[in-house]
Amino acid sequence: MSEETSQPAGKGRPTPPRKEREQARKQPLVGDRSKAAKIAQRQKIRDERNRAREGLMRGEERYLSMRDRGPQRKFARDLVDVRFTMGEVVLPALMVVVLATFIDSYTVQVITLFGMWALFGLVGIDAWLVGRAVKKACAKKFGEDKLEGGLAWYGAMRSIQMRPLRIPKPQVKRFAKLDR
């Protein structure tokens, strides 16, 4: 090799001391620990949670749990939310039973007790009927061979909840017509 084409020896600068290199690599383990940074981080997390909660209530697909995702589950929710179910009556009826226990009449207490047992029976029958209706309507709309598992149970459990307490919130008005 000739001297004109050869590379210069070395890298052209001195090797930095180990202490300098270690200092350059060091980073804090937990980030900014100032009070303002903690407050900003908490506010950011709170905003994210609120956004996710509002999205869940609106029924946005990306905020729903795996149990509630998909077009079949949405259709099942809408089918249940359109109708009135006996499960919506249970909580108010329980309040009546609690108030009736304060009445000092054995007859009234027995009547309310049997009335509650009858209501529980009606709720069970109604939930079973709703589950069957959901499964049948989903099979008609999406095809019998493409049905997800657990649709009947999903519809039945949603029908037992009071309408204002359902999550995600109902997206259809009661007694509205659905395109099946």
C-alpha atoms as a PDB file:
ATOM      1  CA  MET A   1       0.000   0.000   0.000  1.00  0.00           C
ATOM      2  CA  SER A   2       1.115   3.487  -0.683  1.00  0.00           C
ATOM      3  CA  GLU A   3       1.085   6.182   1.969  1.00  0.00           C
ATOM      4  CA  GLU A   4      -1.444   8.313   0.084  1.00  0.00           C
ATOM      5  CA  THR A   5      -4.294   5.719   0.322  1.00  0.00           C
ATOM      6  CA  SER A   6      -3.723   4.524   3.870  1.00  0.00           C
ATOM      7  CA  GLN A   7      -6.074   5.513   6.713  1.00  0.00           C
ATOM      8  CA  PRO A   8      -4.775   7.773   9.507  1.00  0.00           C
ATOM      9  CA  ALA A   9      -3.900   5.851  12.647  1.00  0.00           C
ATOM     10  CA  GLY A  10      -6.298   6.170  15.585  1.00  0.00           C
ATOM     11  CA  LYS A  11      -9.686   7.864  15.711  1.00  0.00           C
ATOM     12  CA  GLY A  12      -8.464  11.427  15.762  1.00  0.00           C
ATOM     13  CA  ARG A  13      -9.486  12.175  19.370  1.00  0.00           C
ATOM     14  CA  PRO A  14      -8.538  10.895  22.780  1.00  0.00           C
ATOM     15  CA  THR A  15     -10.503   8.106  24.460  1.00  0.00           C
ATOM     16  CA  PRO A  16     -12.793   9.632  27.085  1.00  0.00           C
ATOM     17  CA  PRO A  17     -12.176   8.570  30.671  1.00  0.00           C
ATOM     18  CA  ARG A  18     -14.428   5.871  32.100  1.00  0.00           C
ATOM     19  CA  LYS A  19     -15.864   8.266  34.666  1.00  0.00           C
ATOM     20  CA  GLU A  20     -17.142  10.631  31.959  1.00  0.00           C
ATOM     21  CA  ARG A  21     -18.749   7.784  29.966  1.00  0.00           C
ATOM     22  CA  GLU A  22     -20.524   6.420  33.048  1.00  0.00           C
ATOM     23  CA  GLN A  23     -21.883   9.870  33.888  1.00  0.00           C
ATOM     24  CA  ALA A  24     -23.179  10.292  30.323  1.00  0.00           C
ATOM     25  CA  ARG A  25     -25.054   6.940  30.530  1.00  0.00           C
ATOM     26  CA  LYS A  26     -26.715   7.629  33.881  1.00  0.00           C
ATOM     27  CA  GLN A  27     -30.434   8.313  33.830  1.00  0.00           C
ATOM     28  CA  PRO A  28     -32.850   8.656  36.725  1.00  0.00           C
ATOM     29  CA  LEU A  29     -34.733   5.440  37.478  1.00  0.00           C
ATOM     30  CA  VAL A  30     -38.090   7.104  38.121  1.00  0.00           C
ATOM     31  CA  GLY A  31     -38.092  10.219  35.949  1.00  0.00           C
ATOM     32  CA  ASP A  32     -38.848  13.716  37.157  1.00  0.00           C
ATOM     33  CA  ARG A  33     -39.606  13.656  40.900  1.00  0.00           C
ATOM     34  CA  SER A  34     -40.658  17.280  41.323  1.00  0.00           C
ATOM     35  CA  LYS A  35     -44.038  18.095  42.837  1.00  0.00           C
ATOM     36  CA  ALA A  36     -45.233  19.812  39.657  1.00  0.00           C
ATOM     37  CA  ALA A  37     -44.314  16.748  37.582  1.00  0.00           C
ATOM     38  CA  LYS A  38     -46.248  14.462  39.954  1.00  0.00           C
ATOM     39  CA  ILE A  39     -49.308  16.698  39.754  1.00  0.00           C
ATOM     40  CA  ALA A  40     -49.091  16.840  35.961  1.00  0.00           C
ATOM     41  CA  GLN A  41     -48.722  13.043  35.765  1.00  0.00           C
ATOM     42  CA  ARG A  42     -51.753  12.511  38.029  1.00  0.00           C
ATOM     43  CA  GLN A  43     -53.819  14.917  35.946  1.00  0.00           C
ATOM     44  CA  LYS A  44     -52.777  13.168  32.733  1.00  0.00           C
ATOM     45  CA  ILE A  45     -53.779   9.767  34.151  1.00  0.00           C
ATOM     46  CA  ARG A  46     -57.087  11.195  35.413  1.00  0.00           C
ATOM     47  CA  ASP A  47     -57.849  12.637  31.975  1.00  0.00           C
ATOM     48  CA  GLU A  48     -57.062   9.303  30.291  1.00  0.00           C
ATOM     49  CA  ARG A  49     -59.332   7.442  32.708  1.00  0.00           C
ATOM     50  CA  ASN A  50     -62.165   9.918  32.175  1.00  0.00           C
ATOM     51  CA  ARG A  51     -61.797   9.641  28.406  1.00  0.00           C
ATOM     52  CA  ALA A  52     -61.860   5.823  28.651  1.00  0.00           C
ATOM     53  CA  ARG A  53     -64.889   5.857  30.967  1.00  0.00           C
ATOM     54  CA  GLU A  54     -66.833   8.195  28.685  1.00  0.00           C
ATOM     55  CA  GLY A  55     -65.903   6.039  25.696  1.00  0.00           C
ATOM     56  CA  LEU A  56     -67.080   2.943  27.552  1.00  0.00           C
ATOM     57  CA  MET A  57     -70.383   4.580  28.406  1.00  0.00           C
ATOM     58  CA  ARG A  58     -70.889   5.590  24.765  1.00  0.00           C
ATOM     59  CA  GLY A  59     -70.107   2.038  23.668  1.00  0.00           C
ATOM     60  CA  GLU A  60     -66.966   2.867  21.659  1.00  0.00           C
ATOM     61  CA  GLU A  61     -65.442  -0.420  20.571  1.00  0.00           C
ATOM     62  CA  ARG A  62     -61.861   0.291  21.664  1.00  0.00           C
ATOM     63  CA  TYR A  63     -62.870   1.070  25.262  1.00  0.00           C
ATOM     64  CA  LEU A  64     -65.109  -1.975  25.723  1.00  0.00           C
ATOM     65  CA  SER A  65     -63.944  -5.078  27.529  1.00  0.00           C
ATOM     66  CA  MET A  66     -63.365  -8.203  25.460  1.00  0.00           C
ATOM     67  CA  ARG A  67     -66.699  -9.556  26.716  1.00  0.00           C
ATOM     68  CA  ASP A  68     -68.620  -6.647  25.125  1.00  0.00           C
ATOM     69  CA  ARG A  69     -66.794  -6.291  21.796  1.00  0.00           C
ATOM     70  CA  GLY A  70     -68.047  -7.204  18.367  1.00  0.00           C
ATOM     71  CA  PRO A  71     -71.086  -6.632  16.196  1.00  0.00           C
ATOM     72  CA  GLN A  72     -73.004  -9.599  17.616  1.00  0.00           C
ATOM     73  CA  ARG A  73     -72.622  -8.365  21.197  1.00  0.00           C
ATOM     74  CA  LYS A  74     -73.688  -4.858  20.141  1.00  0.00           C
ATOM     75  CA  PHE A  75     -76.749  -6.276  18.406  1.00  0.00           C
ATOM     76  CA  ALA A  76     -77.564  -8.362  21.504  1.00  0.00           C
ATOM     77  CA  ARG A  77     -77.231  -5.265  23.732  1.00  0.00           C
ATOM     78  CA  ASP A  78     -79.543  -3.308  21.460  1.00  0.00           C
ATOM     79  CA  LEU A  79     -82.110  -6.136  21.429  1.00  0.00           C
ATOM     80  CA  VAL A  80     -82.161  -6.231  25.223  1.00  0.00           C
ATOM     81  CA  ASP A  81     -82.174  -2.437  25.636  1.00  0.00           C
ATOM     82  CA  VAL A  82     -85.183  -2.011  23.343  1.00  0.00           C
ATOM     83  CA  ARG A  83     -87.480  -4.081  25.528  1.00  0.00           C
ATOM     84  CA  PHE A  84     -88.762  -3.826  29.083  1.00  0.00           C
ATOM     85  CA  THR A  85     -87.634  -6.729  31.257  1.00  0.00           C
ATOM     86  CA  MET A  86     -88.687  -8.012  34.661  1.00  0.00           C
ATOM     87  CA  GLY A  87     -85.129  -7.670  35.947  1.00  0.00           C
ATOM     88  CA  GLU A  88     -85.568  -3.907  35.974  1.00  0.00           C
ATOM     89  CA  VAL A  89     -88.289  -4.234  38.636  1.00  0.00           C
ATOM     90  CA  VAL A  90     -86.239  -6.216  41.182  1.00  0.00           C
ATOM     91  CA  LEU A  91     -84.364  -3.364  42.898  1.00  0.00           C
ATOM     92  CA  PRO A  92     -87.448  -1.160  43.405  1.00  0.00           C
ATOM     93  CA  ALA A  93     -89.394  -4.218  44.593  1.00  0.00           C
ATOM     94  CA  LEU A  94     -86.666  -5.005  47.121  1.00  0.00           C
ATOM     95  CA  MET A  95     -87.049  -1.491  48.523  1.00  0.00           C
ATOM     96  CA  VAL A  96     -90.775  -2.142  48.968  1.00  0.00           C
ATOM     97  CA  VAL A  97     -89.995  -5.422  50.749  1.00  0.00           C
ATOM     98  CA  VAL A  98     -87.550  -3.684  53.103  1.00  0.00           C
ATOM     99  CA  LEU A  99     -90.173  -1.067  53.939  1.00  0.00           C
ATOM    100  CA  ALA A 100     -92.818  -3.784  54.385  1.00  0.00           C
ATOM    101  CA  THR A 101     -90.669  -5.507  57.020  1.00  0.00           C
ATOM    102  CA  PHE A 102     -91.265  -2.495  59.267  1.00  0.00           C
ATOM    103  CA  ILE A 103     -95.008  -3.143  59.194  1.00  0.00           C
ATOM    104  CA  ASP A 104     -95.964  -5.137  62.251  1.00  0.00           C
ATOM    105  CA  SER A 105     -98.291  -7.494  60.419  1.00  0.00           C
ATOM    106  CA  TYR A 106     -97.446 -11.108  59.796  1.00  0.00           C
ATOM    107  CA  THR A 107     -99.831 -11.254  56.839  1.00  0.00           C
ATOM    108  CA  VAL A 108     -98.207  -8.308  55.055  1.00  0.00           C
ATOM    109  CA  GLN A 109     -94.737  -9.746  55.595  1.00  0.00           C
ATOM    110  CA  VAL A 110     -95.744 -13.174  54.239  1.00  0.00           C
ATOM    111  CA  ILE A 111     -97.439 -11.632  51.217  1.00  0.00           C
ATOM    112  CA  THR A 112     -94.348  -9.535  50.380  1.00  0.00           C
ATOM    113  CA  LEU A 113     -92.094 -12.562  50.863  1.00  0.00           C
ATOM    114  CA  PHE A 114     -94.134 -14.703  48.459  1.00  0.00           C
ATOM    115  CA  GLY A 115     -94.417 -11.736  46.110  1.00  0.00           C
ATOM    116  CA  MET A 116     -90.616 -11.472  45.968  1.00  0.00           C
ATOM    117  CA  TRP A 117     -90.240 -15.191  45.314  1.00  0.00           C
ATOM    118  CA  ALA A 118     -92.797 -14.889  42.508  1.00  0.00           C
ATOM    119  CA  LEU A 119     -90.908 -11.903  41.094  1.00  0.00           C
ATOM    120  CA  PHE A 120     -87.620 -13.846  41.181  1.00  0.00           C
ATOM    121  CA  GLY A 121     -89.316 -16.684  39.300  1.00  0.00           C
ATOM    122  CA  LEU A 122     -90.667 -14.242  36.698  1.00  0.00           C
ATOM    123  CA  VAL A 123     -87.219 -12.652  36.339  1.00  0.00           C
ATOM    124  CA  GLY A 124     -85.668 -16.070  35.711  1.00  0.00           C
ATOM    125  CA  ILE A 125     -88.261 -16.998  33.117  1.00  0.00           C
ATOM    126  CA  ASP A 126     -88.021 -13.599  31.439  1.00  0.00           C
ATOM    127  CA  ALA A 127     -84.204 -13.777  31.319  1.00  0.00           C
ATOM    128  CA  TRP A 128     -84.402 -17.228  29.742  1.00  0.00           C
ATOM    129  CA  LEU A 129     -86.886 -15.954  27.137  1.00  0.00           C
ATOM    130  CA  VAL A 130     -84.734 -12.889  26.396  1.00  0.00           C
ATOM    131  CA  GLY A 131     -81.663 -15.096  25.981  1.00  0.00           C
ATOM    132  CA  ARG A 132     -83.484 -17.328  23.512  1.00  0.00           C
ATOM    133  CA  ALA A 133     -84.785 -14.306  21.587  1.00  0.00           C
ATOM    134  CA  VAL A 134     -81.291 -12.799  21.397  1.00  0.00           C
ATOM    135  CA  LYS A 135     -79.800 -16.037  20.144  1.00  0.00           C
ATOM    136  CA  LYS A 136     -82.545 -16.511  17.545  1.00  0.00           C
ATOM    137  CA  ALA A 137     -82.307 -12.920  16.257  1.00  0.00           C
ATOM    138  CA  CYS A 138     -78.500 -13.061  16.068  1.00  0.00           C
ATOM    139  CA  ALA A 139     -78.672 -16.371  14.203  1.00  0.00           C
ATOM    140  CA  LYS A 140     -81.089 -14.823  11.733  1.00  0.00           C
ATOM    141  CA  LYS A 141     -78.966 -11.698  11.210  1.00  0.00           C
ATOM    142  CA  PHE A 142     -75.425 -13.137  11.282  1.00  0.00           C
ATOM    143  CA  GLY A 143     -76.031 -16.757  10.302  1.00  0.00           C
ATOM    144  CA  GLU A 144     -76.399 -19.839  12.483  1.00  0.00           C
ATOM    145  CA  ASP A 145     -72.871 -21.063  11.749  1.00  0.00           C
ATOM    146  CA  LYS A 146     -71.210 -17.719  12.647  1.00  0.00           C
ATOM    147  CA  LEU A 147     -72.726 -17.245  16.108  1.00  0.00           C
ATOM    148  CA  GLU A 148     -70.408 -16.412  18.998  1.00  0.00           C
ATOM    149  CA  GLY A 149     -70.691 -18.505  22.093  1.00  0.00           C
ATOM    150  CA  GLY A 150     -72.549 -17.197  25.123  1.00  0.00           C
ATOM    151  CA  LEU A 151     -74.855 -14.732  23.362  1.00  0.00           C
ATOM    152  CA  ALA A 152     -77.967 -16.021  25.116  1.00  0.00           C
ATOM    153  CA  TRP A 153     -76.300 -15.766  28.521  1.00  0.00           C
ATOM    154  CA  TYR A 154     -74.984 -12.297  27.654  1.00  0.00           C
ATOM    155  CA  GLY A 155     -78.470 -11.090  26.743  1.00  0.00           C
ATOM    156  CA  ALA A 156     -80.064 -12.724  29.783  1.00  0.00           C
ATOM    157  CA  MET A 157     -77.573 -11.152  32.207  1.00  0.00           C
ATOM    158  CA  ARG A 158     -78.014  -7.722  30.636  1.00  0.00           C
ATOM    159  CA  SER A 159     -81.797  -8.063  30.907  1.00  0.00           C
ATOM    160  CA  ILE A 160     -81.548  -8.559  34.674  1.00  0.00           C
ATOM    161  CA  GLN A 161     -79.781  -5.224  35.187  1.00  0.00           C
ATOM    162  CA  MET A 162     -81.737  -2.020  35.637  1.00  0.00           C
ATOM    163  CA  ARG A 163     -81.604   0.030  32.452  1.00  0.00           C
ATOM    164  CA  PRO A 164     -79.839   3.113  33.959  1.00  0.00           C
ATOM    165  CA  LEU A 165     -77.138   0.917  35.518  1.00  0.00           C
ATOM    166  CA  ARG A 166     -76.185  -0.985  32.368  1.00  0.00           C
ATOM    167  CA  ILE A 167     -72.646  -0.573  31.048  1.00  0.00           C
ATOM    168  CA  PRO A 168     -72.190   0.357  28.263  1.00  0.00           C
ATOM    169  CA  LYS A 169     -75.197   2.658  28.407  1.00  0.00           C
ATOM    170  CA  PRO A 170     -78.142   1.738  26.164  1.00  0.00           C
ATOM    171  CA  GLN A 171     -77.666   3.194  22.679  1.00  0.00           C
ATOM    172  CA  VAL A 172     -81.284   2.713  21.560  1.00  0.00           C
ATOM    173  CA  LYS A 173     -84.549   4.049  22.903  1.00  0.00           C
ATOM    174  CA  ARG A 174     -86.970   1.709  24.600  1.00  0.00           C
ATOM    175  CA  PHE A 175     -89.524   0.106  22.242  1.00  0.00           C
ATOM    176  CA  ALA A 176     -87.694   1.434  19.150  1.00  0.00           C
ATOM    177  CA  LYS A 177     -87.696  -0.619  15.966  1.00  0.00           C
ATOM    178  CA  LEU A 178     -84.436  -2.411  15.209  1.00  0.00           C
ATOM    179  CA  ASP A 179     -83.415  -3.519  11.747  1.00  0.00           C
ATOM    180  CA  ARG A 180     -83.093  -7.250  12.111  1.00  0.00           C
END
